[in-house]
N, C-alpha and C. Protein backbone atom coordinates (compact mmCIF):
# COMPACT_ATOMS: atom_id res chain seq x y z
N MET A 1 100.66 115.09 143.42
CA MET A 1 100.54 114.44 142.13
C MET A 1 101.66 114.91 141.21
N ASN A 2 102.05 114.03 140.34
CA ASN A 2 103.10 114.35 139.38
C ASN A 2 102.51 114.27 137.97
N PHE A 3 102.12 115.42 137.43
CA PHE A 3 101.57 115.47 136.08
C PHE A 3 102.69 115.74 135.09
N ARG A 4 102.57 115.16 133.92
CA ARG A 4 103.54 115.44 132.87
C ARG A 4 102.90 115.21 131.51
N ALA A 5 103.40 115.91 130.55
CA ALA A 5 102.97 115.72 129.17
C ALA A 5 104.15 115.28 128.34
N VAL A 6 103.90 114.39 127.40
CA VAL A 6 104.96 113.87 126.55
C VAL A 6 104.51 113.94 125.10
N VAL A 7 105.35 114.50 124.26
CA VAL A 7 105.10 114.47 122.83
C VAL A 7 105.81 113.24 122.28
N LYS A 8 105.05 112.28 121.82
CA LYS A 8 105.64 111.04 121.32
C LYS A 8 105.79 111.03 119.81
N GLY A 9 104.97 111.80 119.12
CA GLY A 9 105.04 111.81 117.67
C GLY A 9 104.46 113.09 117.11
N MET A 10 104.91 113.44 115.94
CA MET A 10 104.40 114.63 115.27
C MET A 10 104.09 114.30 113.82
N GLY A 11 103.18 115.06 113.24
CA GLY A 11 102.84 114.89 111.84
C GLY A 11 102.52 116.24 111.24
N HIS A 12 102.51 116.33 109.94
CA HIS A 12 102.15 117.57 109.28
C HIS A 12 101.51 117.25 107.93
N ALA A 13 100.73 118.18 107.44
CA ALA A 13 100.13 118.02 106.12
C ALA A 13 99.90 119.40 105.53
N VAL A 14 100.11 119.53 104.26
CA VAL A 14 99.89 120.79 103.55
C VAL A 14 99.14 120.48 102.26
N PRO A 15 98.41 121.45 101.74
CA PRO A 15 97.74 121.23 100.46
C PRO A 15 98.75 120.93 99.35
N GLU A 16 98.32 120.18 98.36
CA GLU A 16 99.20 119.82 97.25
C GLU A 16 99.45 121.01 96.31
N LYS A 17 98.43 121.85 96.12
CA LYS A 17 98.52 122.94 95.15
C LYS A 17 99.49 124.02 95.63
N ILE A 18 100.44 124.35 94.76
CA ILE A 18 101.43 125.39 95.05
C ILE A 18 101.18 126.59 94.15
N VAL A 19 101.14 127.77 94.75
CA VAL A 19 101.03 129.02 93.99
C VAL A 19 102.34 129.78 94.19
N THR A 20 103.08 129.97 93.12
CA THR A 20 104.37 130.67 93.19
C THR A 20 104.18 132.17 92.98
N ASN A 21 105.23 132.90 93.25
CA ASN A 21 105.20 134.33 92.98
C ASN A 21 105.01 134.62 91.49
N ASP A 22 105.58 133.76 90.65
CA ASP A 22 105.41 133.93 89.21
C ASP A 22 103.94 133.73 88.82
N ASP A 23 103.26 132.80 89.51
CA ASP A 23 101.83 132.61 89.26
C ASP A 23 101.06 133.88 89.62
N LEU A 24 101.41 134.49 90.74
CA LEU A 24 100.75 135.73 91.16
C LEU A 24 101.01 136.86 90.16
N ALA A 25 102.22 136.88 89.62
CA ALA A 25 102.59 137.94 88.67
C ALA A 25 101.75 137.88 87.39
N LYS A 26 101.16 136.72 87.11
CA LYS A 26 100.28 136.59 85.95
C LYS A 26 98.92 137.21 86.22
N MET A 27 98.58 137.39 87.51
CA MET A 27 97.26 137.91 87.89
C MET A 27 97.29 139.38 88.27
N ILE A 28 98.42 139.82 88.86
CA ILE A 28 98.53 141.22 89.30
C ILE A 28 99.89 141.77 88.89
N ASP A 29 100.04 143.07 88.94
CA ASP A 29 101.28 143.72 88.53
C ASP A 29 102.33 143.59 89.63
N THR A 30 103.10 142.50 89.59
CA THR A 30 104.18 142.25 90.54
C THR A 30 105.16 141.28 89.91
N ASN A 31 106.20 140.93 90.64
CA ASN A 31 107.14 139.92 90.16
C ASN A 31 107.77 139.20 91.35
N ASP A 32 108.42 138.09 91.06
CA ASP A 32 109.00 137.25 92.10
C ASP A 32 109.98 138.02 92.98
N ALA A 33 110.88 138.77 92.39
CA ALA A 33 111.90 139.50 93.16
C ALA A 33 111.26 140.51 94.11
N TRP A 34 110.24 141.24 93.64
CA TRP A 34 109.58 142.25 94.47
C TRP A 34 108.94 141.60 95.69
N ILE A 35 108.24 140.48 95.49
CA ILE A 35 107.59 139.78 96.61
C ILE A 35 108.62 139.22 97.58
N LYS A 36 109.64 138.53 97.06
CA LYS A 36 110.68 137.94 97.93
C LYS A 36 111.40 139.00 98.75
N GLN A 37 111.73 140.12 98.12
CA GLN A 37 112.47 141.18 98.82
C GLN A 37 111.66 141.73 99.99
N ARG A 38 110.36 141.86 99.84
CA ARG A 38 109.53 142.48 100.86
C ARG A 38 108.95 141.50 101.88
N THR A 39 108.76 140.24 101.46
CA THR A 39 108.10 139.29 102.36
C THR A 39 108.92 138.04 102.65
N GLY A 40 109.84 137.71 101.77
CA GLY A 40 110.60 136.47 101.92
C GLY A 40 109.83 135.26 101.42
N ILE A 41 108.63 135.47 100.89
CA ILE A 41 107.79 134.36 100.45
C ILE A 41 108.10 134.02 98.99
N ALA A 42 108.29 132.73 98.72
CA ALA A 42 108.54 132.26 97.36
C ALA A 42 107.34 131.51 96.79
N GLU A 43 106.61 130.82 97.67
CA GLU A 43 105.43 130.08 97.25
C GLU A 43 104.49 129.91 98.44
N ARG A 44 103.26 129.61 98.13
CA ARG A 44 102.28 129.35 99.18
C ARG A 44 101.45 128.15 98.77
N ARG A 45 100.87 127.48 99.74
CA ARG A 45 100.01 126.32 99.50
C ARG A 45 98.56 126.74 99.59
N VAL A 46 97.75 126.24 98.67
CA VAL A 46 96.34 126.61 98.61
C VAL A 46 95.49 125.35 98.52
N CYS A 47 94.47 125.28 99.35
CA CYS A 47 93.56 124.13 99.33
C CYS A 47 92.68 124.14 98.09
N GLU A 48 92.45 122.98 97.55
CA GLU A 48 91.46 122.80 96.49
C GLU A 48 90.09 122.80 97.16
N PRO A 49 89.01 122.95 96.39
CA PRO A 49 87.67 122.99 97.00
C PRO A 49 87.33 121.78 97.87
N ASP A 50 87.88 120.62 97.56
CA ASP A 50 87.57 119.42 98.35
C ASP A 50 88.54 119.20 99.52
N GLU A 51 89.50 120.08 99.73
CA GLU A 51 90.44 119.98 100.85
C GLU A 51 90.00 120.90 101.97
N THR A 52 90.14 120.42 103.22
CA THR A 52 89.76 121.22 104.38
C THR A 52 90.87 121.19 105.42
N CYS A 53 90.82 122.15 106.32
CA CYS A 53 91.78 122.18 107.42
C CYS A 53 91.65 120.91 108.27
N SER A 54 90.41 120.51 108.54
CA SER A 54 90.21 119.31 109.36
C SER A 54 90.71 118.06 108.65
N GLY A 55 90.60 118.02 107.33
CA GLY A 55 91.14 116.89 106.57
C GLY A 55 92.65 116.83 106.65
N LEU A 56 93.29 117.99 106.53
CA LEU A 56 94.75 118.04 106.67
C LEU A 56 95.17 117.68 108.09
N ALA A 57 94.39 118.14 109.08
CA ALA A 57 94.70 117.81 110.48
C ALA A 57 94.58 116.32 110.73
N THR A 58 93.59 115.69 110.12
CA THR A 58 93.43 114.23 110.26
C THR A 58 94.63 113.51 109.67
N GLU A 59 95.06 113.94 108.49
CA GLU A 59 96.25 113.35 107.86
C GLU A 59 97.47 113.50 108.75
N ALA A 60 97.66 114.69 109.33
CA ALA A 60 98.80 114.93 110.21
C ALA A 60 98.70 114.07 111.47
N ALA A 61 97.50 113.92 112.01
CA ALA A 61 97.32 113.09 113.21
C ALA A 61 97.66 111.64 112.93
N LEU A 62 97.26 111.13 111.78
CA LEU A 62 97.59 109.75 111.43
C LEU A 62 99.10 109.57 111.29
N GLN A 63 99.77 110.57 110.73
CA GLN A 63 101.24 110.53 110.63
C GLN A 63 101.87 110.52 112.03
N ALA A 64 101.33 111.36 112.91
CA ALA A 64 101.87 111.45 114.27
C ALA A 64 101.71 110.12 115.00
N LEU A 65 100.56 109.48 114.85
CA LEU A 65 100.33 108.18 115.48
C LEU A 65 101.33 107.15 114.95
N ALA A 66 101.51 107.12 113.64
CA ALA A 66 102.46 106.18 113.04
C ALA A 66 103.88 106.48 113.50
N ASN A 67 104.22 107.78 113.55
CA ASN A 67 105.55 108.20 113.98
C ASN A 67 105.83 107.78 115.42
N ALA A 68 104.81 107.86 116.26
CA ALA A 68 104.96 107.52 117.67
C ALA A 68 104.84 106.02 117.92
N GLY A 69 104.25 105.31 116.96
CA GLY A 69 104.05 103.87 117.15
C GLY A 69 103.00 103.58 118.22
N VAL A 70 101.99 104.43 118.32
CA VAL A 70 100.93 104.22 119.31
C VAL A 70 99.57 104.13 118.62
N ASP A 71 98.62 103.53 119.33
CA ASP A 71 97.25 103.42 118.86
C ASP A 71 96.48 104.67 119.28
N ALA A 72 95.49 105.05 118.49
CA ALA A 72 94.70 106.25 118.80
C ALA A 72 94.04 106.17 120.17
N THR A 73 93.75 104.98 120.64
CA THR A 73 93.09 104.84 121.95
C THR A 73 94.02 105.23 123.10
N GLU A 74 95.31 105.33 122.84
CA GLU A 74 96.27 105.71 123.88
C GLU A 74 96.43 107.23 124.02
N VAL A 75 95.85 107.99 123.10
CA VAL A 75 96.02 109.45 123.07
C VAL A 75 95.00 110.12 123.98
N GLU A 76 95.49 111.01 124.85
CA GLU A 76 94.60 111.74 125.75
C GLU A 76 94.28 113.14 125.24
N MET A 77 95.13 113.71 124.38
CA MET A 77 94.90 115.07 123.91
C MET A 77 95.53 115.25 122.53
N ILE A 78 94.84 116.01 121.69
CA ILE A 78 95.37 116.40 120.40
C ILE A 78 95.35 117.92 120.34
N ILE A 79 96.44 118.52 119.93
CA ILE A 79 96.53 119.98 119.79
C ILE A 79 96.59 120.30 118.31
N VAL A 80 95.68 121.15 117.85
CA VAL A 80 95.65 121.60 116.45
C VAL A 80 95.82 123.10 116.44
N ALA A 81 96.72 123.59 115.61
CA ALA A 81 96.92 125.03 115.49
C ALA A 81 96.74 125.44 114.04
N SER A 82 95.84 126.40 113.80
CA SER A 82 95.61 126.88 112.46
C SER A 82 94.96 128.26 112.50
N VAL A 83 95.26 129.06 111.51
CA VAL A 83 94.56 130.33 111.35
C VAL A 83 93.55 130.23 110.23
N THR A 84 93.40 129.03 109.68
CA THR A 84 92.50 128.83 108.54
C THR A 84 91.57 127.64 108.79
N GLY A 85 90.76 127.75 109.82
CA GLY A 85 89.84 126.67 110.15
C GLY A 85 88.76 126.49 109.10
N ASP A 86 88.04 125.37 109.20
CA ASP A 86 86.97 125.07 108.25
C ASP A 86 85.84 126.09 108.35
N TYR A 87 85.54 126.52 109.57
CA TYR A 87 84.47 127.45 109.84
C TYR A 87 84.96 128.50 110.83
N THR A 88 84.29 129.64 110.88
CA THR A 88 84.62 130.65 111.87
C THR A 88 84.35 130.10 113.26
N PHE A 89 83.18 129.44 113.42
CA PHE A 89 82.85 128.82 114.69
C PHE A 89 81.93 127.66 114.44
N PRO A 90 82.15 126.48 114.96
CA PRO A 90 83.35 126.15 115.72
C PRO A 90 84.55 125.98 114.80
N SER A 91 85.70 126.27 115.34
CA SER A 91 86.93 126.16 114.57
C SER A 91 87.28 124.69 114.37
N THR A 92 88.36 124.42 113.67
CA THR A 92 88.78 123.05 113.42
C THR A 92 89.02 122.34 114.73
């Protein structure tokens, strides 16, 4: 048998809310330069209460389908990677 996997399309989604280092500096004793120098991070995305990992994954999947020009019925497997699932178990 000749098995193969093909990635035909990709999608991504991130929360709309952005928290900058300056925003963090208003809450704790730090500043943008200190955080950037030690972590390289300038901003992070944070979900609002009505946003979920599975919701973002659905948005990304729809983008991937559109990008690939295929119907969902043609898909045999979806791979989701996250360290921030909706629940501890079962994960997203």
